[in-house]
Amino acid sequence: MEFLIVVAAITGTVIGLVGRIPDPRKVKRELASAKIQSIDSLVDGKPAAVRGTVTLLEPTAFVVSPWTQQRCVYWLLVFDEVGVAGDFHELGRIDGGVSFLLHSDHGAARVVPDRPRLALPSQAFLRPIMHAQDLLKLAAGSKLKRHNYDTSFLRVTLYTLASGAFVTVKGWCTREPNPEATDEVSGYREQLPTRPVISGTRRAKLLIG
């Protein structure tokens, strides 16, 4: 399906929309200042920041993004009401994803993308808010905030993370038995080879970019 990105001059004044620095810019700043670690050095119960290539846990372990129908491990749709000066107010967001592996030359970690903050390439779809029923259908089953003005625009931004992407991940590390090694090793859980799991917590929100 062809993506329609509308660029228009809007007359009139839209007041009350909240302008702020987009979250991807904030995430990029945080990731740029992070001290990157080797995956094989990650410690249980400590912060983690690593780089690697996204791969599927299993051949069928993927989700399909709305609108673009792309196979990926995580997708996010953000719905914004956009005003005349570019100010915007978020109306809501929906997402979907599955755990995936992040591979580097120093091992692999499982990543759990539970509502991560993203700095990924995106596609934006823009419509006059009174003619955006096709975009609003993407939020079927979720609750969006009511828009403020019928003269404003609806912007839907789609982020996807697909297998093969090279990304930086920052979050919190725990460790789990490594399923690729447990078949050959016997013993107690504490003695089995483990691999890191990176996820988000209240102390360390998961960042991907």
N, C-alpha and C. Protein backbone atom coordinates (compact mmCIF):
# COMPACT_ATOMS: atom_id res chain seq x y z
N MET A 1 0.84 -1.18 0.00
CA MET A 1 0.00 0.00 0.00
C MET A 1 0.88 1.24 0.00
N GLU A 2 0.50 2.21 -0.80
CA GLU A 2 1.31 3.41 -0.91
C GLU A 2 1.18 4.24 0.35
N PHE A 3 2.28 4.76 0.86
CA PHE A 3 2.28 5.58 2.05
C PHE A 3 2.01 7.02 1.61
N LEU A 4 1.08 7.69 2.29
CA LEU A 4 0.75 9.06 1.95
C LEU A 4 1.23 9.96 3.06
N ILE A 5 2.17 10.85 2.74
CA ILE A 5 2.67 11.82 3.69
C ILE A 5 2.22 13.19 3.20
N VAL A 6 1.39 13.85 3.99
CA VAL A 6 0.78 15.10 3.57
C VAL A 6 1.56 16.26 4.15
N VAL A 7 1.97 17.20 3.28
CA VAL A 7 2.58 18.44 3.72
C VAL A 7 1.65 19.56 3.29
N ALA A 8 1.13 20.33 4.25
CA ALA A 8 0.12 21.31 3.91
C ALA A 8 0.33 22.59 4.68
N ALA A 9 -0.13 23.69 4.12
CA ALA A 9 -0.18 24.96 4.84
C ALA A 9 -1.55 25.05 5.48
N ILE A 10 -1.59 25.27 6.78
CA ILE A 10 -2.84 25.27 7.52
C ILE A 10 -3.13 26.70 7.96
N THR A 11 -4.33 27.20 7.69
CA THR A 11 -4.71 28.52 8.12
C THR A 11 -5.40 28.43 9.46
N GLY A 12 -5.38 29.54 10.22
CA GLY A 12 -6.02 29.54 11.53
C GLY A 12 -5.01 29.28 12.61
N THR A 13 -5.48 29.25 13.84
CA THR A 13 -4.62 29.09 15.00
C THR A 13 -5.06 27.88 15.80
N VAL A 14 -4.11 27.06 16.21
CA VAL A 14 -4.40 25.93 17.07
C VAL A 14 -3.68 26.18 18.39
N ILE A 15 -4.43 26.30 19.46
CA ILE A 15 -3.88 26.65 20.76
C ILE A 15 -4.04 25.47 21.71
N GLY A 16 -3.04 25.25 22.54
CA GLY A 16 -3.18 24.26 23.58
C GLY A 16 -2.49 22.96 23.31
N LEU A 17 -1.89 22.79 22.14
CA LEU A 17 -1.15 21.58 21.88
C LEU A 17 0.22 21.69 22.52
N VAL A 18 0.72 20.59 23.02
CA VAL A 18 1.96 20.60 23.79
C VAL A 18 3.14 20.30 22.89
N GLY A 19 4.12 21.19 22.81
CA GLY A 19 5.34 20.94 22.05
C GLY A 19 6.42 20.44 22.98
N ARG A 20 7.22 19.49 22.54
CA ARG A 20 8.29 18.95 23.37
C ARG A 20 9.31 18.30 22.46
N ILE A 21 10.47 18.02 23.03
CA ILE A 21 11.51 17.34 22.27
C ILE A 21 11.06 15.91 22.00
N PRO A 22 11.06 15.47 20.75
CA PRO A 22 10.64 14.09 20.46
C PRO A 22 11.47 13.08 21.25
N ASP A 23 10.83 12.03 21.72
CA ASP A 23 11.52 11.03 22.55
C ASP A 23 12.71 10.40 21.83
N PRO A 24 12.64 10.11 20.51
CA PRO A 24 13.82 9.52 19.86
C PRO A 24 15.09 10.36 20.02
N ARG A 25 14.97 11.67 20.03
CA ARG A 25 16.14 12.52 20.21
C ARG A 25 16.72 12.34 21.62
N LYS A 26 15.84 12.22 22.60
CA LYS A 26 16.30 12.00 23.97
C LYS A 26 17.00 10.65 24.10
N VAL A 27 16.42 9.63 23.46
CA VAL A 27 17.02 8.30 23.51
C VAL A 27 18.39 8.30 22.85
N LYS A 28 18.52 8.97 21.71
CA LYS A 28 19.82 9.05 21.03
C LYS A 28 20.87 9.67 21.94
N ARG A 29 20.49 10.70 22.67
CA ARG A 29 21.43 11.35 23.58
C ARG A 29 21.87 10.41 24.68
N GLU A 30 20.90 9.69 25.25
CA GLU A 30 21.24 8.77 26.33
C GLU A 30 22.13 7.63 25.84
N LEU A 31 21.83 7.10 24.67
CA LEU A 31 22.63 6.00 24.14
C LEU A 31 24.03 6.48 23.74
N ALA A 32 24.12 7.71 23.25
CA ALA A 32 25.43 8.24 22.85
C ALA A 32 26.36 8.40 24.04
N SER A 33 25.79 8.62 25.22
CA SER A 33 26.62 8.80 26.42
C SER A 33 26.82 7.51 27.21
N ALA A 34 26.20 6.42 26.76
CA ALA A 34 26.30 5.15 27.49
C ALA A 34 27.66 4.49 27.26
N LYS A 35 28.17 3.86 28.29
CA LYS A 35 29.42 3.10 28.17
C LYS A 35 29.08 1.70 27.67
N ILE A 36 29.48 1.39 26.44
CA ILE A 36 29.12 0.12 25.82
C ILE A 36 29.95 -1.01 26.44
N GLN A 37 29.28 -2.09 26.78
CA GLN A 37 29.92 -3.26 27.40
C GLN A 37 29.96 -4.43 26.44
N SER A 38 30.79 -5.39 26.77
CA SER A 38 30.82 -6.65 26.03
C SER A 38 29.70 -7.54 26.57
N ILE A 39 28.98 -8.21 25.69
CA ILE A 39 27.86 -9.04 26.13
C ILE A 39 28.31 -10.11 27.11
N ASP A 40 29.50 -10.68 26.90
CA ASP A 40 29.95 -11.74 27.80
C ASP A 40 30.42 -11.21 29.16
N SER A 41 30.41 -9.89 29.35
CA SER A 41 30.83 -9.32 30.64
C SER A 41 29.66 -8.84 31.49
N LEU A 42 28.43 -8.98 30.99
CA LEU A 42 27.27 -8.45 31.70
C LEU A 42 27.04 -9.21 33.00
N VAL A 43 26.69 -8.46 34.04
CA VAL A 43 26.54 -9.00 35.39
C VAL A 43 25.07 -9.00 35.79
N ASP A 44 24.64 -10.08 36.40
CA ASP A 44 23.26 -10.20 36.86
C ASP A 44 22.94 -9.09 37.86
N GLY A 45 21.78 -8.44 37.65
CA GLY A 45 21.36 -7.40 38.57
C GLY A 45 22.06 -6.08 38.41
N LYS A 46 22.63 -5.83 37.23
CA LYS A 46 23.34 -4.59 36.98
C LYS A 46 22.84 -3.96 35.66
N PRO A 47 23.08 -2.64 35.48
CA PRO A 47 22.74 -2.02 34.20
C PRO A 47 23.55 -2.64 33.07
N ALA A 48 23.01 -2.57 31.86
CA ALA A 48 23.67 -3.14 30.69
C ALA A 48 23.50 -2.21 29.51
N ALA A 49 24.57 -2.06 28.73
CA ALA A 49 24.52 -1.29 27.48
C ALA A 49 25.40 -2.01 26.47
N VAL A 50 24.80 -2.55 25.42
CA VAL A 50 25.53 -3.37 24.46
C VAL A 50 25.08 -3.04 23.04
N ARG A 51 25.91 -3.48 22.08
CA ARG A 51 25.57 -3.33 20.67
C ARG A 51 25.63 -4.69 20.00
N GLY A 52 24.77 -4.88 19.01
CA GLY A 52 24.79 -6.14 18.28
C GLY A 52 23.73 -6.18 17.20
N THR A 53 23.61 -7.34 16.59
CA THR A 53 22.68 -7.56 15.49
C THR A 53 21.46 -8.32 15.97
N VAL A 54 20.29 -7.83 15.61
CA VAL A 54 19.02 -8.46 16.00
C VAL A 54 18.82 -9.75 15.21
N THR A 55 18.50 -10.83 15.92
CA THR A 55 18.15 -12.10 15.27
C THR A 55 16.94 -12.69 15.97
N LEU A 56 16.22 -13.54 15.26
CA LEU A 56 15.03 -14.18 15.83
C LEU A 56 15.43 -15.27 16.80
N LEU A 57 14.64 -15.41 17.86
CA LEU A 57 14.84 -16.53 18.78
C LEU A 57 14.57 -17.85 18.07
N GLU A 58 13.52 -17.86 17.25
CA GLU A 58 13.14 -19.01 16.45
C GLU A 58 12.64 -18.50 15.10
N PRO A 59 12.62 -19.34 14.07
CA PRO A 59 12.18 -18.86 12.76
C PRO A 59 10.78 -18.27 12.76
N THR A 60 9.91 -18.73 13.67
CA THR A 60 8.54 -18.22 13.70
C THR A 60 8.33 -17.18 14.79
N ALA A 61 9.40 -16.76 15.46
CA ALA A 61 9.28 -15.80 16.57
C ALA A 61 9.37 -14.38 16.04
N PHE A 62 8.29 -13.93 15.41
CA PHE A 62 8.24 -12.56 14.91
C PHE A 62 6.80 -12.05 14.99
N VAL A 63 6.63 -10.76 14.83
CA VAL A 63 5.31 -10.15 14.73
C VAL A 63 5.24 -9.41 13.41
N VAL A 64 4.04 -9.01 13.02
CA VAL A 64 3.83 -8.30 11.76
C VAL A 64 3.31 -6.90 12.08
N SER A 65 3.99 -5.89 11.57
CA SER A 65 3.61 -4.51 11.88
C SER A 65 2.31 -4.12 11.19
N PRO A 66 1.50 -3.28 11.84
CA PRO A 66 0.30 -2.75 11.17
C PRO A 66 0.68 -1.89 9.97
N TRP A 67 -0.23 -1.78 9.05
CA TRP A 67 -0.12 -0.91 7.88
C TRP A 67 0.90 -1.42 6.87
N THR A 68 2.17 -1.58 7.30
CA THR A 68 3.20 -1.99 6.34
C THR A 68 3.30 -3.51 6.21
N GLN A 69 2.73 -4.25 7.17
CA GLN A 69 2.76 -5.72 7.15
C GLN A 69 4.19 -6.26 7.09
N GLN A 70 5.11 -5.62 7.80
CA GLN A 70 6.51 -6.03 7.82
C GLN A 70 6.76 -7.01 8.96
N ARG A 71 7.50 -8.08 8.68
CA ARG A 71 7.91 -8.99 9.74
C ARG A 71 9.00 -8.32 10.58
N CYS A 72 8.83 -8.36 11.88
CA CYS A 72 9.77 -7.68 12.76
C CYS A 72 9.70 -8.32 14.15
N VAL A 73 10.53 -7.85 15.07
CA VAL A 73 10.49 -8.34 16.44
C VAL A 73 9.77 -7.36 17.36
N TYR A 74 9.61 -6.12 16.86
CA TYR A 74 8.88 -5.12 17.66
C TYR A 74 8.38 -4.01 16.74
N TRP A 75 7.17 -3.53 17.01
CA TRP A 75 6.64 -2.36 16.31
C TRP A 75 5.93 -1.46 17.30
N LEU A 76 5.91 -0.18 16.96
CA LEU A 76 5.26 0.83 17.81
C LEU A 76 4.55 1.84 16.92
N LEU A 77 3.30 2.14 17.23
CA LEU A 77 2.54 3.19 16.57
C LEU A 77 2.26 4.29 17.59
N VAL A 78 2.63 5.52 17.25
CA VAL A 78 2.38 6.67 18.11
C VAL A 78 1.40 7.60 17.40
N PHE A 79 0.32 7.98 18.08
CA PHE A 79 -0.72 8.84 17.52
C PHE A 79 -0.60 10.23 18.14
N ASP A 80 -0.41 11.24 17.28
CA ASP A 80 -0.26 12.63 17.75
C ASP A 80 -1.27 13.53 17.05
N GLU A 81 -1.80 14.48 17.81
CA GLU A 81 -2.54 15.59 17.21
C GLU A 81 -1.53 16.71 16.94
N VAL A 82 -1.50 17.18 15.70
CA VAL A 82 -0.48 18.14 15.28
C VAL A 82 -1.12 19.49 14.96
N GLY A 83 -0.51 20.56 15.50
CA GLY A 83 -1.03 21.90 15.29
C GLY A 83 -0.34 22.64 14.17
N VAL A 84 -0.76 23.87 13.95
CA VAL A 84 -0.29 24.67 12.83
C VAL A 84 1.20 24.94 12.87
N ALA A 85 1.77 25.11 14.06
CA ALA A 85 3.18 25.45 14.19
C ALA A 85 4.06 24.22 14.40
N GLY A 86 3.47 23.05 14.26
CA GLY A 86 4.22 21.82 14.47
C GLY A 86 4.16 21.31 15.89
N ASP A 87 3.53 22.07 16.81
CA ASP A 87 3.32 21.57 18.16
C ASP A 87 2.44 20.34 18.10
N PHE A 88 2.61 19.46 19.06
CA PHE A 88 1.83 18.23 19.00
C PHE A 88 1.47 17.75 20.40
N HIS A 89 0.44 16.94 20.44
CA HIS A 89 -0.06 16.37 21.68
C HIS A 89 -0.31 14.89 21.44
N GLU A 90 0.34 14.03 22.22
CA GLU A 90 0.17 12.60 22.00
C GLU A 90 -1.21 12.14 22.46
N LEU A 91 -1.87 11.42 21.57
CA LEU A 91 -3.20 10.88 21.87
C LEU A 91 -3.14 9.45 22.38
N GLY A 92 -2.04 8.76 22.11
CA GLY A 92 -1.91 7.38 22.56
C GLY A 92 -0.91 6.62 21.72
N ARG A 93 -0.68 5.37 22.11
CA ARG A 93 0.26 4.53 21.37
C ARG A 93 -0.12 3.08 21.56
N ILE A 94 0.22 2.26 20.60
CA ILE A 94 0.03 0.82 20.69
C ILE A 94 1.31 0.16 20.17
N ASP A 95 1.57 -1.05 20.64
CA ASP A 95 2.78 -1.74 20.20
C ASP A 95 2.59 -3.24 20.25
N GLY A 96 3.57 -3.94 19.73
CA GLY A 96 3.58 -5.39 19.76
C GLY A 96 4.99 -5.89 19.55
N GLY A 97 5.33 -7.01 20.16
CA GLY A 97 6.68 -7.51 19.99
C GLY A 97 6.90 -8.87 20.62
N VAL A 98 8.07 -9.41 20.37
CA VAL A 98 8.49 -10.69 20.94
C VAL A 98 9.95 -10.55 21.36
N SER A 99 10.37 -11.41 22.29
CA SER A 99 11.77 -11.43 22.67
C SER A 99 12.63 -11.80 21.47
N PHE A 100 13.85 -11.27 21.45
CA PHE A 100 14.77 -11.56 20.36
C PHE A 100 16.18 -11.66 20.90
N LEU A 101 17.09 -12.13 20.06
CA LEU A 101 18.49 -12.23 20.44
C LEU A 101 19.27 -11.07 19.85
N LEU A 102 20.23 -10.59 20.62
CA LEU A 102 21.17 -9.58 20.14
C LEU A 102 22.54 -10.23 20.12
N HIS A 103 23.08 -10.41 18.92
CA HIS A 103 24.36 -11.11 18.74
C HIS A 103 25.49 -10.12 18.50
N SER A 104 26.64 -10.40 19.09
CA SER A 104 27.87 -9.67 18.80
C SER A 104 29.01 -10.69 18.74
N ASP A 105 30.22 -10.21 18.55
CA ASP A 105 31.38 -11.10 18.55
C ASP A 105 31.68 -11.66 19.93
N HIS A 106 30.98 -11.14 20.94
CA HIS A 106 31.24 -11.54 22.32
C HIS A 106 30.03 -12.21 22.96
N GLY A 107 29.23 -12.88 22.15
CA GLY A 107 28.11 -13.63 22.72
C GLY A 107 26.76 -13.11 22.27
N ALA A 108 25.74 -13.60 22.94
CA ALA A 108 24.37 -13.22 22.60
C ALA A 108 23.58 -12.98 23.88
N ALA A 109 22.68 -12.03 23.81
CA ALA A 109 21.78 -11.73 24.92
C ALA A 109 20.35 -11.78 24.41
N ARG A 110 19.45 -12.21 25.27
CA ARG A 110 18.03 -12.15 24.93
C ARG A 110 17.49 -10.80 25.39
N VAL A 111 16.75 -10.14 24.52
CA VAL A 111 16.18 -8.83 24.83
C VAL A 111 14.67 -8.95 24.90
N VAL A 112 14.09 -8.39 25.95
CA VAL A 112 12.64 -8.41 26.14
C VAL A 112 12.11 -7.00 25.89
N PRO A 113 11.49 -6.74 24.73
CA PRO A 113 11.06 -5.38 24.39
C PRO A 113 9.70 -5.02 24.99
N ASP A 114 9.66 -4.84 26.30
CA ASP A 114 8.43 -4.48 26.99
C ASP A 114 8.36 -2.96 27.11
N ARG A 115 7.63 -2.34 26.19
CA ARG A 115 7.46 -0.88 26.14
C ARG A 115 8.79 -0.13 26.19
N PRO A 116 9.69 -0.44 25.28
CA PRO A 116 10.98 0.26 25.26
C PRO A 116 10.82 1.68 24.73
N ARG A 117 11.80 2.50 25.00
CA ARG A 117 11.93 3.81 24.37
C ARG A 117 12.84 3.63 23.16
N LEU A 118 12.47 4.26 22.04
CA LEU A 118 13.12 3.95 20.77
C LEU A 118 13.78 5.17 20.12
N ALA A 119 14.86 4.89 19.41
CA ALA A 119 15.47 5.85 18.49
C ALA A 119 15.75 5.09 17.21
N LEU A 120 14.69 4.75 16.51
CA LEU A 120 14.78 3.93 15.30
C LEU A 120 14.22 4.69 14.11
N PRO A 121 14.59 4.28 12.88
CA PRO A 121 13.95 4.88 11.70
C PRO A 121 12.44 4.72 11.78
N SER A 122 11.73 5.68 11.24
CA SER A 122 10.27 5.66 11.34
C SER A 122 9.63 6.12 10.04
N GLN A 123 8.34 5.84 9.93
CA GLN A 123 7.52 6.32 8.82
C GLN A 123 6.34 7.05 9.43
N ALA A 124 6.04 8.24 8.91
CA ALA A 124 4.95 9.04 9.45
C ALA A 124 3.84 9.19 8.41
N PHE A 125 2.60 9.06 8.86
CA PHE A 125 1.43 9.21 8.02
C PHE A 125 0.60 10.36 8.59
N LEU A 126 0.25 11.32 7.76
CA LEU A 126 -0.43 12.53 8.22
C LEU A 126 -1.72 12.74 7.45
N ARG A 127 -2.79 13.06 8.18
CA ARG A 127 -4.09 13.34 7.57
C ARG A 127 -4.76 14.48 8.34
N PRO A 128 -5.60 15.28 7.66
CA PRO A 128 -6.51 16.14 8.42
C PRO A 128 -7.32 15.25 9.38
N ILE A 129 -7.44 15.69 10.61
CA ILE A 129 -7.97 14.79 11.63
C ILE A 129 -9.40 14.37 11.33
N MET A 130 -10.14 15.17 10.58
CA MET A 130 -11.51 14.82 10.23
C MET A 130 -11.58 13.82 9.08
N HIS A 131 -10.42 13.53 8.47
CA HIS A 131 -10.40 12.59 7.34
C HIS A 131 -9.33 11.52 7.58
N ALA A 132 -9.24 11.08 8.80
CA ALA A 132 -8.17 10.14 9.16
C ALA A 132 -8.72 8.81 9.68
N GLN A 133 -9.87 8.43 9.19
CA GLN A 133 -10.47 7.20 9.68
C GLN A 133 -9.61 5.98 9.37
N ASP A 134 -8.90 6.01 8.23
CA ASP A 134 -8.05 4.87 7.89
C ASP A 134 -6.92 4.72 8.90
N LEU A 135 -6.38 5.86 9.39
CA LEU A 135 -5.32 5.79 10.38
C LEU A 135 -5.86 5.44 11.76
N LEU A 136 -7.05 5.95 12.08
CA LEU A 136 -7.64 5.64 13.39
C LEU A 136 -7.98 4.16 13.52
N LYS A 137 -8.24 3.51 12.40
CA LYS A 137 -8.54 2.07 12.44
C LYS A 137 -7.35 1.28 12.95
N LEU A 138 -6.14 1.84 12.79
CA LEU A 138 -4.95 1.15 13.28
C LEU A 138 -4.97 1.02 14.80
N ALA A 139 -5.73 1.89 15.46
CA ALA A 139 -5.81 1.87 16.92
C ALA A 139 -7.03 1.11 17.42
N ALA A 140 -7.67 0.33 16.56
CA ALA A 140 -8.85 -0.43 16.96
C ALA A 140 -8.55 -1.29 18.17
N GLY A 141 -9.42 -1.20 19.18
CA GLY A 141 -9.24 -1.99 20.39
C GLY A 141 -8.46 -1.27 21.47
N SER A 142 -7.90 -0.12 21.16
CA SER A 142 -7.18 0.66 22.17
C SER A 142 -7.90 1.98 22.39
N LYS A 143 -7.58 2.65 23.47
CA LYS A 143 -8.24 3.90 23.81
C LYS A 143 -7.30 5.08 23.54
N LEU A 144 -7.67 5.91 22.57
CA LEU A 144 -6.94 7.13 22.31
C LEU A 144 -7.63 8.30 23.00
N LYS A 145 -6.84 9.29 23.39
CA LYS A 145 -7.41 10.51 23.94
C LYS A 145 -8.20 11.23 22.86
N ARG A 146 -9.21 11.97 23.28
CA ARG A 146 -10.00 12.76 22.34
C ARG A 146 -9.16 13.93 21.84
N HIS A 147 -9.17 14.17 20.53
CA HIS A 147 -8.42 15.31 20.00
C HIS A 147 -9.08 16.61 20.42
N ASN A 148 -8.29 17.69 20.41
CA ASN A 148 -8.77 18.99 20.89
C ASN A 148 -9.48 19.80 19.81
N TYR A 149 -8.99 19.71 18.57
CA TYR A 149 -9.50 20.59 17.52
C TYR A 149 -9.76 19.81 16.24
N ASP A 150 -10.90 20.07 15.63
CA ASP A 150 -11.23 19.41 14.38
C ASP A 150 -10.40 19.94 13.21
N THR A 151 -9.76 21.10 13.40
CA THR A 151 -8.95 21.69 12.33
C THR A 151 -7.51 21.22 12.35
N SER A 152 -7.12 20.43 13.34
CA SER A 152 -5.74 19.95 13.42
C SER A 152 -5.56 18.68 12.59
N PHE A 153 -4.36 18.14 12.64
CA PHE A 153 -4.01 16.96 11.87
C PHE A 153 -3.74 15.78 12.81
N LEU A 154 -3.92 14.60 12.28
CA LEU A 154 -3.53 13.38 12.98
C LEU A 154 -2.27 12.84 12.33
N ARG A 155 -1.24 12.64 13.15
CA ARG A 155 0.00 12.02 12.67
C ARG A 155 0.17 10.68 13.35
N VAL A 156 0.41 9.67 12.54
CA VAL A 156 0.70 8.34 13.07
C VAL A 156 2.13 7.99 12.66
N THR A 157 2.96 7.70 13.64
CA THR A 157 4.35 7.36 13.38
C THR A 157 4.58 5.90 13.69
N LEU A 158 5.13 5.18 12.73
CA LEU A 158 5.37 3.75 12.87
C LEU A 158 6.87 3.49 13.00
N TYR A 159 7.26 2.81 14.07
CA TYR A 159 8.63 2.37 14.29
C TYR A 159 8.65 0.85 14.22
N THR A 160 9.63 0.30 13.53
CA THR A 160 9.77 -1.16 13.48
C THR A 160 11.22 -1.55 13.72
N LEU A 161 11.39 -2.68 14.39
CA LEU A 161 12.72 -3.26 14.61
C LEU A 161 12.72 -4.65 14.01
N ALA A 162 13.49 -4.83 12.94
CA ALA A 162 13.48 -6.08 12.20
C ALA A 162 14.76 -6.87 12.41
N SER A 163 14.69 -8.15 12.14
CA SER A 163 15.87 -9.01 12.19
C SER A 163 16.92 -8.49 11.23
N GLY A 164 18.18 -8.48 11.67
CA GLY A 164 19.27 -7.99 10.86
C GLY A 164 19.70 -6.58 11.20
N ALA A 165 18.89 -5.86 11.96
CA ALA A 165 19.24 -4.49 12.34
C ALA A 165 20.40 -4.50 13.34
N PHE A 166 21.29 -3.54 13.21
CA PHE A 166 22.39 -3.37 14.15
C PHE A 166 22.03 -2.22 15.08
N VAL A 167 21.89 -2.50 16.38
CA VAL A 167 21.37 -1.51 17.30
C VAL A 167 22.15 -1.51 18.62
N THR A 168 21.95 -0.45 19.36
CA THR A 168 22.43 -0.36 20.73
C THR A 168 21.25 -0.57 21.66
N VAL A 169 21.44 -1.36 22.69
CA VAL A 169 20.39 -1.65 23.67
C VAL A 169 20.92 -1.32 25.06
N LYS A 170 20.12 -0.58 25.81
CA LYS A 170 20.49 -0.24 27.18
C LYS A 170 19.34 -0.58 28.10
N GLY A 171 19.63 -1.29 29.18
CA GLY A 171 18.58 -1.68 30.11
C GLY A 171 19.17 -2.29 31.36
N TRP A 172 18.50 -3.34 31.85
CA TRP A 172 18.88 -4.01 33.09
C TRP A 172 19.13 -5.48 32.79
N CYS A 173 20.21 -6.02 33.33
CA CYS A 173 20.59 -7.40 33.03
C CYS A 173 20.17 -8.36 34.14
N THR A 174 19.58 -9.44 33.75
CA THR A 174 19.43 -10.63 34.60
C THR A 174 20.02 -11.78 33.80
N ARG A 175 20.16 -12.93 34.42
CA ARG A 175 20.72 -14.08 33.69
C ARG A 175 19.78 -15.26 33.79
N GLU A 176 19.77 -16.07 32.73
CA GLU A 176 18.93 -17.25 32.67
C GLU A 176 19.75 -18.41 32.13
N PRO A 177 19.35 -19.66 32.43
CA PRO A 177 20.07 -20.80 31.85
C PRO A 177 20.09 -20.70 30.33
N ASN A 178 21.22 -20.99 29.75
CA ASN A 178 21.37 -20.90 28.30
C ASN A 178 20.79 -22.17 27.66
N PRO A 179 19.67 -22.06 26.94
CA PRO A 179 19.04 -23.26 26.38
C PRO A 179 19.91 -23.95 25.34
N GLU A 180 20.87 -23.26 24.77
CA GLU A 180 21.74 -23.88 23.78
C GLU A 180 22.84 -24.71 24.41
N ALA A 181 22.99 -24.61 25.74
CA ALA A 181 24.05 -25.34 26.42
C ALA A 181 23.55 -26.37 27.41
N THR A 182 22.28 -26.23 27.86
CA THR A 182 21.81 -27.08 28.95
C THR A 182 21.66 -28.54 28.55
N ASP A 183 21.52 -28.84 27.26
CA ASP A 183 21.37 -30.23 26.86
C ASP A 183 22.66 -31.03 27.08
N GLU A 184 23.78 -30.34 27.14
CA GLU A 184 25.06 -31.02 27.25
C GLU A 184 25.65 -30.94 28.65
N VAL A 185 24.97 -30.21 29.52
CA VAL A 185 25.50 -30.00 30.87
C VAL A 185 24.46 -30.43 31.89
N SER A 186 24.89 -31.16 32.89
CA SER A 186 23.99 -31.57 33.96
C SER A 186 24.42 -30.89 35.24
N GLY A 187 23.48 -30.74 36.16
CA GLY A 187 23.82 -30.11 37.43
C GLY A 187 22.72 -29.19 37.88
N TYR A 188 22.96 -28.47 38.97
CA TYR A 188 21.97 -27.55 39.50
C TYR A 188 21.86 -26.32 38.61
N ARG A 189 20.73 -25.61 38.74
CA ARG A 189 20.48 -24.41 37.93
C ARG A 189 21.64 -23.42 38.03
N GLU A 190 22.17 -23.25 39.25
CA GLU A 190 23.25 -22.28 39.47
C GLU A 190 24.54 -22.66 38.74
N GLN A 191 24.68 -23.95 38.40
CA GLN A 191 25.91 -24.41 37.77
C GLN A 191 25.82 -24.44 36.25
N LEU A 192 24.59 -24.24 35.71
CA LEU A 192 24.42 -24.32 34.27
C LEU A 192 24.95 -23.05 33.60
N PRO A 193 25.44 -23.19 32.38
CA PRO A 193 25.83 -21.99 31.63
C PRO A 193 24.63 -21.06 31.47
N THR A 194 24.85 -19.78 31.59
CA THR A 194 23.76 -18.82 31.50
C THR A 194 24.02 -17.81 30.39
N ARG A 195 22.98 -17.11 30.02
CA ARG A 195 23.10 -16.01 29.07
C ARG A 195 22.39 -14.80 29.66
N PRO A 196 22.79 -13.60 29.28
CA PRO A 196 22.14 -12.40 29.81
C PRO A 196 20.78 -12.15 29.17
N VAL A 197 19.90 -11.58 29.96
CA VAL A 197 18.60 -11.12 29.49
C VAL A 197 18.52 -9.63 29.79
N ILE A 198 18.25 -8.83 28.79
CA ILE A 198 18.19 -7.38 28.96
C ILE A 198 16.74 -6.94 28.82
N SER A 199 16.26 -6.24 29.83
CA SER A 199 14.88 -5.76 29.83
C SER A 199 14.84 -4.40 30.51
N GLY A 200 13.66 -3.86 30.65
CA GLY A 200 13.51 -2.58 31.32
C GLY A 200 12.94 -2.76 32.72
N THR A 201 13.29 -1.85 33.60
CA THR A 201 12.75 -1.80 34.95
C THR A 201 12.43 -0.36 35.27
N ARG A 202 11.88 -0.12 36.46
CA ARG A 202 11.65 1.26 36.88
C ARG A 202 12.96 2.03 37.03
N ARG A 203 14.00 1.31 37.37
CA ARG A 203 15.31 1.95 37.55
C ARG A 203 16.02 2.18 36.23
N ALA A 204 15.78 1.31 35.26
CA ALA A 204 16.49 1.39 33.99
C ALA A 204 15.53 1.07 32.86
N LYS A 205 14.91 2.08 32.30
CA LYS A 205 13.99 1.88 31.18
C LYS A 205 14.76 1.35 29.98
N LEU A 206 14.20 0.37 29.28
CA LEU A 206 14.87 -0.21 28.13
C LEU A 206 14.92 0.79 26.98
N LEU A 207 16.13 1.00 26.44
CA LEU A 207 16.33 1.90 25.30
C LEU A 207 16.86 1.10 24.13
N ILE A 208 16.35 1.37 22.93
CA ILE A 208 16.84 0.70 21.73
C ILE A 208 17.03 1.75 20.65
N GLY A 209 18.21 1.77 20.05
CA GLY A 209 18.44 2.75 18.99
C GLY A 209 19.70 2.46 18.20
